[in-house]
Amino acid sequence: MAAGAMGKAYDATWGRFFAAYYDRALKASEENGLGDMRRALLADARGRVVEIGAGTGTNLDLYGAEVEDLTLIEPDPHMGARLRDRLAARTHAVPARLVAASAETIPFDDDTFDTAVATLVLCTVPDPVAAITELARVVRPGGHLLFIEHVRSDDPKTARWQDRLEKPWRFLADGCHCNRDTEANLSASAFQVESIDHGALPKSMPIVRPLILGSAHLPP
């Protein structure tokens, strides 16, 4: 087998394992506060909603009655398979659909959605600036972005460890960049940050513990 083919086979095997393990890996975090953070954040979702990097569908049943329809963007086929099973089993009234696409190329027209959601995904997308720009394109003027993201630490010592361990962590965590300055990327985008809380990802390693949670909007 050629080296390239071996690499692709290995990536596919690891991707399948990571998708199978993902919910269990976050279980302690979810039970110790992350789930409550998600629920409080998504209570503000309104109208037509797009969620990027929907993964296995952790947020799926947290959307309320103010959501008219839900579009779930997920490029990974292994995550998507688990999300598809979750969609088939749900009894929730909000219409939802899975779209296999990247966050950098969302296949919808400008001004399509009222709310965008990004939870623990902007650390992973290959081009986070392009992804945020794309969200600004598909969200209507006056619409909102709701986010929970682990980010680069404000503490210099922790930030140095994030830089040192970024490559091995990216390999183990299927593309996650633990040192990504997502707050700066949001502040430099077309979105205007309305509220942002700095906290910690519960029950997690120090390099992924620094967390931001908040909302931003597009000017009308």
C-alpha atoms as a PDB file:
ATOM      1  CA  MET A   1       0.000   0.000   0.000  1.00  0.00           C
ATOM      2  CA  ALA A   2       1.337   3.445  -0.905  1.00  0.00           C
ATOM      3  CA  ALA A   3       2.180   5.823   1.906  1.00  0.00           C
ATOM      4  CA  GLY A   4      -0.602   8.214   0.913  1.00  0.00           C
ATOM      5  CA  ALA A   5      -3.161   5.427   0.896  1.00  0.00           C
ATOM      6  CA  MET A   6      -1.937   4.252   4.297  1.00  0.00           C
ATOM      7  CA  GLY A   7      -2.345   7.776   5.633  1.00  0.00           C
ATOM      8  CA  LYS A   8      -5.894   8.028   4.331  1.00  0.00           C
ATOM      9  CA  ALA A   9      -6.797   4.635   5.789  1.00  0.00           C
ATOM     10  CA  TYR A  10      -5.291   5.607   9.138  1.00  0.00           C
ATOM     11  CA  ASP A  11      -7.133   8.931   9.155  1.00  0.00           C
ATOM     12  CA  ALA A  12     -10.416   7.162   8.384  1.00  0.00           C
ATOM     13  CA  THR A  13      -9.838   4.637  11.166  1.00  0.00           C
ATOM     14  CA  TRP A  14      -8.946   7.339  13.692  1.00  0.00           C
ATOM     15  CA  GLY A  15     -11.888   9.475  12.591  1.00  0.00           C
ATOM     16  CA  ARG A  16     -14.268   6.565  13.141  1.00  0.00           C
ATOM     17  CA  PHE A  17     -12.799   5.909  16.594  1.00  0.00           C
ATOM     18  CA  PHE A  18     -12.883   9.589  17.567  1.00  0.00           C
ATOM     19  CA  ALA A  19     -16.550   9.918  16.571  1.00  0.00           C
ATOM     20  CA  ALA A  20     -17.422   6.798  18.573  1.00  0.00           C
ATOM     21  CA  TYR A  21     -15.526   8.047  21.630  1.00  0.00           C
ATOM     22  CA  TYR A  22     -16.469  11.753  21.475  1.00  0.00           C
ATOM     23  CA  ASP A  23     -19.615  11.707  23.610  1.00  0.00           C
ATOM     24  CA  ARG A  24     -17.938   9.607  26.292  1.00  0.00           C
ATOM     25  CA  ALA A  25     -14.904  11.894  26.305  1.00  0.00           C
ATOM     26  CA  LEU A  26     -17.113  14.925  27.064  1.00  0.00           C
ATOM     27  CA  LYS A  27     -19.501  13.155  29.449  1.00  0.00           C
ATOM     28  CA  ALA A  28     -17.864  14.429  32.654  1.00  0.00           C
ATOM     29  CA  SER A  29     -17.689  17.985  31.274  1.00  0.00           C
ATOM     30  CA  GLU A  30     -21.332  17.887  30.212  1.00  0.00           C
ATOM     31  CA  GLU A  31     -22.490  16.591  33.606  1.00  0.00           C
ATOM     32  CA  ASN A  32     -20.421  19.135  35.544  1.00  0.00           C
ATOM     33  CA  GLY A  33     -21.572  22.331  33.901  1.00  0.00           C
ATOM     34  CA  LEU A  34     -21.037  22.275  30.145  1.00  0.00           C
ATOM     35  CA  GLY A  35     -24.529  20.910  29.527  1.00  0.00           C
ATOM     36  CA  ASP A  36     -26.027  23.755  31.565  1.00  0.00           C
ATOM     37  CA  MET A  37     -23.943  26.258  29.598  1.00  0.00           C
ATOM     38  CA  ARG A  38     -25.257  24.847  26.333  1.00  0.00           C
ATOM     39  CA  ARG A  39     -28.855  24.916  27.553  1.00  0.00           C
ATOM     40  CA  ALA A  40     -28.648  28.539  28.726  1.00  0.00           C
ATOM     41  CA  LEU A  41     -26.951  29.649  25.512  1.00  0.00           C
ATOM     42  CA  LEU A  42     -29.371  27.911  23.153  1.00  0.00           C
ATOM     43  CA  ALA A  43     -32.396  29.339  24.957  1.00  0.00           C
ATOM     44  CA  ASP A  44     -31.638  32.495  22.952  1.00  0.00           C
ATOM     45  CA  ALA A  45     -31.784  30.763  19.543  1.00  0.00           C
ATOM     46  CA  ARG A  46     -34.576  32.164  17.378  1.00  0.00           C
ATOM     47  CA  GLY A  47     -36.102  31.678  13.928  1.00  0.00           C
ATOM     48  CA  ARG A  48     -34.105  29.857  11.300  1.00  0.00           C
ATOM     49  CA  VAL A  49     -30.969  28.440  12.913  1.00  0.00           C
ATOM     50  CA  VAL A  50     -27.718  27.120  11.448  1.00  0.00           C
ATOM     51  CA  GLU A  51     -25.263  25.205  13.635  1.00  0.00           C
ATOM     52  CA  ILE A  52     -21.765  24.549  12.309  1.00  0.00           C
ATOM     53  CA  GLY A  53     -19.772  21.509  13.367  1.00  0.00           C
ATOM     54  CA  ALA A  54     -22.854  19.871  14.836  1.00  0.00           C
ATOM     55  CA  GLY A  55     -20.839  16.713  15.551  1.00  0.00           C
ATOM     56  CA  THR A  56     -22.869  13.873  17.051  1.00  0.00           C
ATOM     57  CA  GLY A  57     -25.801  16.184  17.839  1.00  0.00           C
ATOM     58  CA  THR A  58     -25.139  17.115  21.467  1.00  0.00           C
ATOM     59  CA  ASN A  59     -27.121  20.353  21.081  1.00  0.00           C
ATOM     60  CA  LEU A  60     -29.974  18.800  19.160  1.00  0.00           C
ATOM     61  CA  ASP A  61     -32.607  18.532  21.881  1.00  0.00           C
ATOM     62  CA  LEU A  62     -31.661  21.793  23.624  1.00  0.00           C
ATOM     63  CA  TYR A  63     -33.320  24.081  21.076  1.00  0.00           C
ATOM     64  CA  GLY A  64     -36.602  25.624  22.196  1.00  0.00           C
ATOM     65  CA  ALA A  65     -39.941  26.539  20.697  1.00  0.00           C
ATOM     66  CA  GLU A  66     -38.634  29.839  19.302  1.00  0.00           C
ATOM     67  CA  VAL A  67     -36.654  27.914  16.673  1.00  0.00           C
ATOM     68  CA  GLU A  68     -38.557  27.525  13.392  1.00  0.00           C
ATOM     69  CA  ASP A  69     -36.142  25.153  11.683  1.00  0.00           C
ATOM     70  CA  LEU A  70     -32.641  23.883  12.300  1.00  0.00           C
ATOM     71  CA  THR A  71     -29.842  23.258   9.788  1.00  0.00           C
ATOM     72  CA  LEU A  72     -26.942  21.181  11.094  1.00  0.00           C
ATOM     73  CA  ILE A  73     -23.652  21.528   9.208  1.00  0.00           C
ATOM     74  CA  GLU A  74     -21.228  18.627   9.710  1.00  0.00           C
ATOM     75  CA  PRO A  75     -18.440  17.663   7.288  1.00  0.00           C
ATOM     76  CA  ASP A  76     -17.127  14.538   9.037  1.00  0.00           C
ATOM     77  CA  PRO A  77     -18.881  11.384   7.761  1.00  0.00           C
ATOM     78  CA  HIS A  78     -18.381   9.475  11.031  1.00  0.00           C
ATOM     79  CA  MET A  79     -19.802  12.258  13.169  1.00  0.00           C
ATOM     80  CA  GLY A  80     -22.523  12.730  10.572  1.00  0.00           C
ATOM     81  CA  ALA A  81     -23.558   9.073  10.763  1.00  0.00           C
ATOM     82  CA  ARG A  82     -24.089   9.348  14.515  1.00  0.00           C
ATOM     83  CA  LEU A  83     -25.941  12.626  14.099  1.00  0.00           C
ATOM     84  CA  ARG A  84     -28.159  11.068  11.439  1.00  0.00           C
ATOM     85  CA  ASP A  85     -29.106   8.275  13.868  1.00  0.00           C
ATOM     86  CA  ARG A  86     -29.938  10.873  16.517  1.00  0.00           C
ATOM     87  CA  LEU A  87     -32.129  12.776  14.072  1.00  0.00           C
ATOM     88  CA  ALA A  88     -34.004   9.596  13.127  1.00  0.00           C
ATOM     89  CA  ALA A  89     -34.700   8.766  16.777  1.00  0.00           C
ATOM     90  CA  ARG A  90     -35.827  12.192  17.952  1.00  0.00           C
ATOM     91  CA  THR A  91     -39.417  13.215  18.665  1.00  0.00           C
ATOM     92  CA  HIS A  92     -38.694  16.942  18.932  1.00  0.00           C
ATOM     93  CA  ALA A  93     -41.111  19.193  17.069  1.00  0.00           C
ATOM     94  CA  VAL A  94     -38.491  21.530  15.557  1.00  0.00           C
ATOM     95  CA  PRO A  95     -37.759  20.501  11.924  1.00  0.00           C
ATOM     96  CA  ALA A  96     -34.071  19.661  11.533  1.00  0.00           C
ATOM     97  CA  ARG A  97     -31.825  18.590   8.676  1.00  0.00           C
ATOM     98  CA  LEU A  98     -28.224  17.515   8.308  1.00  0.00           C
ATOM     99  CA  VAL A  99     -26.077  19.072   5.578  1.00  0.00           C
ATOM    100  CA  ALA A 100     -22.662  17.563   4.841  1.00  0.00           C
ATOM    101  CA  ALA A 101     -20.536  20.657   4.253  1.00  0.00           C
ATOM    102  CA  SER A 102     -17.660  22.580   5.779  1.00  0.00           C
ATOM    103  CA  ALA A 103     -18.075  25.675   7.934  1.00  0.00           C
ATOM    104  CA  GLU A 104     -16.006  27.612   5.392  1.00  0.00           C
ATOM    105  CA  THR A 105     -18.423  26.865   2.514  1.00  0.00           C
ATOM    106  CA  ILE A 106     -21.997  26.826   3.801  1.00  0.00           C
ATOM    107  CA  PRO A 107     -24.258  25.998   0.820  1.00  0.00           C
ATOM    108  CA  PHE A 108     -26.968  28.597   1.459  1.00  0.00           C
ATOM    109  CA  ASP A 109     -27.768  32.062   0.133  1.00  0.00           C
ATOM    110  CA  ASP A 110     -26.851  35.290   1.864  1.00  0.00           C
ATOM    111  CA  ASP A 111     -29.098  36.379   4.763  1.00  0.00           C
ATOM    112  CA  THR A 112     -30.760  32.950   5.105  1.00  0.00           C
ATOM    113  CA  PHE A 113     -30.628  32.462   8.890  1.00  0.00           C
ATOM    114  CA  ASP A 114     -31.648  34.383  11.993  1.00  0.00           C
ATOM    115  CA  THR A 115     -29.266  32.640  14.395  1.00  0.00           C
ATOM    116  CA  ALA A 116     -25.931  30.868  14.016  1.00  0.00           C
ATOM    117  CA  VAL A 117     -24.493  28.515  16.629  1.00  0.00           C
ATOM    118  CA  ALA A 118     -20.888  27.411  17.188  1.00  0.00           C
ATOM    119  CA  THR A 119     -20.030  25.250  20.190  1.00  0.00           C
ATOM    120  CA  LEU A 120     -16.554  23.738  20.556  1.00  0.00           C
ATOM    121  CA  VAL A 121     -15.985  23.868  16.799  1.00  0.00           C
ATOM    122  CA  LEU A 122     -13.974  26.979  15.876  1.00  0.00           C
ATOM    123  CA  CYS A 123     -10.943  25.306  17.450  1.00  0.00           C
ATOM    124  CA  THR A 124     -11.177  22.560  14.828  1.00  0.00           C
ATOM    125  CA  VAL A 125     -12.154  24.104  11.496  1.00  0.00           C
ATOM    126  CA  PRO A 126      -9.115  24.504   9.195  1.00  0.00           C
ATOM    127  CA  ASP A 127      -9.778  28.208   8.572  1.00  0.00           C
ATOM    128  CA  PRO A 128     -11.691  29.796  11.471  1.00  0.00           C
ATOM    129  CA  VAL A 129     -11.616  33.298   9.994  1.00  0.00           C
ATOM    130  CA  ALA A 130     -13.224  32.000   6.792  1.00  0.00           C
ATOM    131  CA  ALA A 131     -15.821  30.100   8.855  1.00  0.00           C
ATOM    132  CA  ILE A 132     -16.806  33.206  10.847  1.00  0.00           C
ATOM    133  CA  THR A 133     -16.926  35.237   7.628  1.00  0.00           C
ATOM    134  CA  GLU A 134     -19.183  32.610   6.081  1.00  0.00           C
ATOM    135  CA  LEU A 135     -21.513  32.720   9.085  1.00  0.00           C
ATOM    136  CA  ALA A 136     -21.702  36.498   8.723  1.00  0.00           C
ATOM    137  CA  ARG A 137     -22.702  35.978   5.092  1.00  0.00           C
ATOM    138  CA  VAL A 138     -25.553  33.515   5.724  1.00  0.00           C
ATOM    139  CA  VAL A 139     -26.934  35.288   8.823  1.00  0.00           C
ATOM    140  CA  ARG A 140     -29.285  38.175   8.104  1.00  0.00           C
ATOM    141  CA  PRO A 141     -28.524  41.725   9.281  1.00  0.00           C
ATOM    142  CA  GLY A 142     -29.634  41.948  12.899  1.00  0.00           C
ATOM    143  CA  GLY A 143     -29.164  38.203  13.346  1.00  0.00           C
ATOM    144  CA  HIS A 144     -27.093  36.583  16.066  1.00  0.00           C
ATOM    145  CA  LEU A 145     -24.185  34.233  16.634  1.00  0.00           C
ATOM    146  CA  LEU A 146     -24.203  32.180  19.849  1.00  0.00           C
ATOM    147  CA  PHE A 147     -20.914  30.574  20.854  1.00  0.00           C
ATOM    148  CA  ILE A 148     -19.097  28.433  23.409  1.00  0.00           C
ATOM    149  CA  GLU A 149     -15.446  27.881  22.536  1.00  0.00           C
ATOM    150  CA  HIS A 150     -12.286  26.882  24.338  1.00  0.00           C
ATOM    151  CA  VAL A 151      -9.561  29.389  23.546  1.00  0.00           C
ATOM    152  CA  ARG A 152      -5.985  30.508  23.981  1.00  0.00           C
ATOM    153  CA  SER A 153      -5.284  31.235  27.636  1.00  0.00           C
ATOM    154  CA  ASP A 154      -4.707  34.735  28.973  1.00  0.00           C
ATOM    155  CA  ASP A 155      -2.182  33.227  31.368  1.00  0.00           C
ATOM    156  CA  PRO A 156       1.268  33.293  29.680  1.00  0.00           C
ATOM    157  CA  LYS A 157       2.411  30.046  31.302  1.00  0.00           C
ATOM    158  CA  THR A 158      -0.687  28.124  30.172  1.00  0.00           C
ATOM    159  CA  ALA A 159      -0.480  29.715  26.712  1.00  0.00           C
ATOM    160  CA  ARG A 160       3.106  28.503  26.352  1.00  0.00           C
ATOM    161  CA  TRP A 161       2.006  24.968  27.192  1.00  0.00           C
ATOM    162  CA  GLN A 162      -0.807  25.278  24.655  1.00  0.00           C
ATOM    163  CA  ASP A 163       1.777  26.221  22.030  1.00  0.00           C
ATOM    164  CA  ARG A 164       4.096  23.368  22.992  1.00  0.00           C
ATOM    165  CA  LEU A 165       1.347  20.734  22.969  1.00  0.00           C
ATOM    166  CA  GLU A 166      -0.682  22.057  20.035  1.00  0.00           C
ATOM    167  CA  LYS A 167       0.625  19.531  17.489  1.00  0.00           C
ATOM    168  CA  PRO A 168       0.233  16.342  19.543  1.00  0.00           C
ATOM    169  CA  TRP A 169      -3.136  17.541  20.857  1.00  0.00           C
ATOM    170  CA  ARG A 170      -4.300  18.326  17.317  1.00  0.00           C
ATOM    171  CA  PHE A 171      -3.444  14.737  16.328  1.00  0.00           C
ATOM    172  CA  LEU A 172      -5.183  13.176  19.335  1.00  0.00           C
ATOM    173  CA  ALA A 173      -8.236  15.452  19.211  1.00  0.00           C
ATOM    174  CA  ASP A 174      -8.937  15.107  15.482  1.00  0.00           C
ATOM    175  CA  GLY A 175      -7.765  18.552  14.400  1.00  0.00           C
ATOM    176  CA  CYS A 176      -8.413  20.629  17.528  1.00  0.00           C
ATOM    177  CA  HIS A 177      -6.057  23.629  17.933  1.00  0.00           C
ATOM    178  CA  CYS A 178      -5.827  24.189  21.683  1.00  0.00           C
ATOM    179  CA  ASN A 179      -4.060  27.572  21.321  1.00  0.00           C
ATOM    180  CA  ARG A 180      -6.453  29.256  18.900  1.00  0.00           C
ATOM    181  CA  ASP A 181      -7.383  32.871  19.747  1.00  0.00           C
ATOM    182  CA  THR A 182     -11.056  32.632  18.812  1.00  0.00           C
ATOM    183  CA  GLU A 183     -12.009  35.709  20.824  1.00  0.00           C
ATOM    184  CA  ALA A 184      -9.694  37.849  18.678  1.00  0.00           C
ATOM    185  CA  ASN A 185     -11.088  36.288  15.504  1.00  0.00           C
ATOM    186  CA  LEU A 186     -14.649  37.108  16.588  1.00  0.00           C
ATOM    187  CA  SER A 187     -13.723  40.661  17.576  1.00  0.00           C
ATOM    188  CA  ALA A 188     -12.129  41.257  14.150  1.00  0.00           C
ATOM    189  CA  SER A 189     -15.134  39.908  12.230  1.00  0.00           C
ATOM    190  CA  ALA A 190     -18.311  41.562  10.909  1.00  0.00           C
ATOM    191  CA  PHE A 191     -20.101  40.384  14.058  1.00  0.00           C
ATOM    192  CA  GLN A 192     -20.296  42.782  16.993  1.00  0.00           C
ATOM    193  CA  VAL A 193     -19.752  40.956  20.263  1.00  0.00           C
ATOM    194  CA  GLU A 194     -22.626  41.752  22.645  1.00  0.00           C
ATOM    195  CA  SER A 195     -21.678  39.659  25.648  1.00  0.00           C
ATOM    196  CA  ILE A 196     -18.768  37.409  26.478  1.00  0.00           C
ATOM    197  CA  ASP A 197     -18.034  35.475  29.650  1.00  0.00           C
ATOM    198  CA  HIS A 198     -14.663  33.943  30.403  1.00  0.00           C
ATOM    199  CA  GLY A 199     -14.794  30.648  32.207  1.00  0.00           C
ATOM    200  CA  ALA A 200     -13.437  27.123  32.250  1.00  0.00           C
ATOM    201  CA  LEU A 201     -14.388  23.933  30.459  1.00  0.00           C
ATOM    202  CA  PRO A 202     -15.332  21.624  33.353  1.00  0.00           C
ATOM    203  CA  LYS A 203     -13.390  18.426  33.975  1.00  0.00           C
ATOM    204  CA  SER A 204     -10.886  19.064  31.197  1.00  0.00           C
ATOM    205  CA  MET A 205      -7.143  19.236  30.659  1.00  0.00           C
ATOM    206  CA  PRO A 206      -5.543  22.631  31.442  1.00  0.00           C
ATOM    207  CA  ILE A 207      -4.659  23.306  27.788  1.00  0.00           C
ATOM    208  CA  VAL A 208      -8.343  23.216  26.761  1.00  0.00           C
ATOM    209  CA  ARG A 209      -9.847  24.634  29.942  1.00  0.00           C
ATOM    210  CA  PRO A 210      -9.971  28.391  29.071  1.00  0.00           C
ATOM    211  CA  LEU A 211     -13.459  29.053  27.714  1.00  0.00           C
ATOM    212  CA  ILE A 212     -15.525  31.872  26.254  1.00  0.00           C
ATOM    213  CA  LEU A 213     -19.311  31.910  26.106  1.00  0.00           C
ATOM    214  CA  GLY A 214     -21.448  34.620  24.620  1.00  0.00           C
ATOM    215  CA  SER A 215     -23.303  36.192  21.734  1.00  0.00           C
ATOM    216  CA  ALA A 216     -22.647  38.566  18.865  1.00  0.00           C
ATOM    217  CA  HIS A 217     -24.850  40.198  16.272  1.00  0.00           C
ATOM    218  CA  LEU A 218     -24.647  41.615  12.791  1.00  0.00           C
ATOM    219  CA  PRO A 219     -25.525  45.310  12.523  1.00  0.00           C
ATOM    220  CA  PRO A 220     -28.999  45.825  10.978  1.00  0.00           C
END
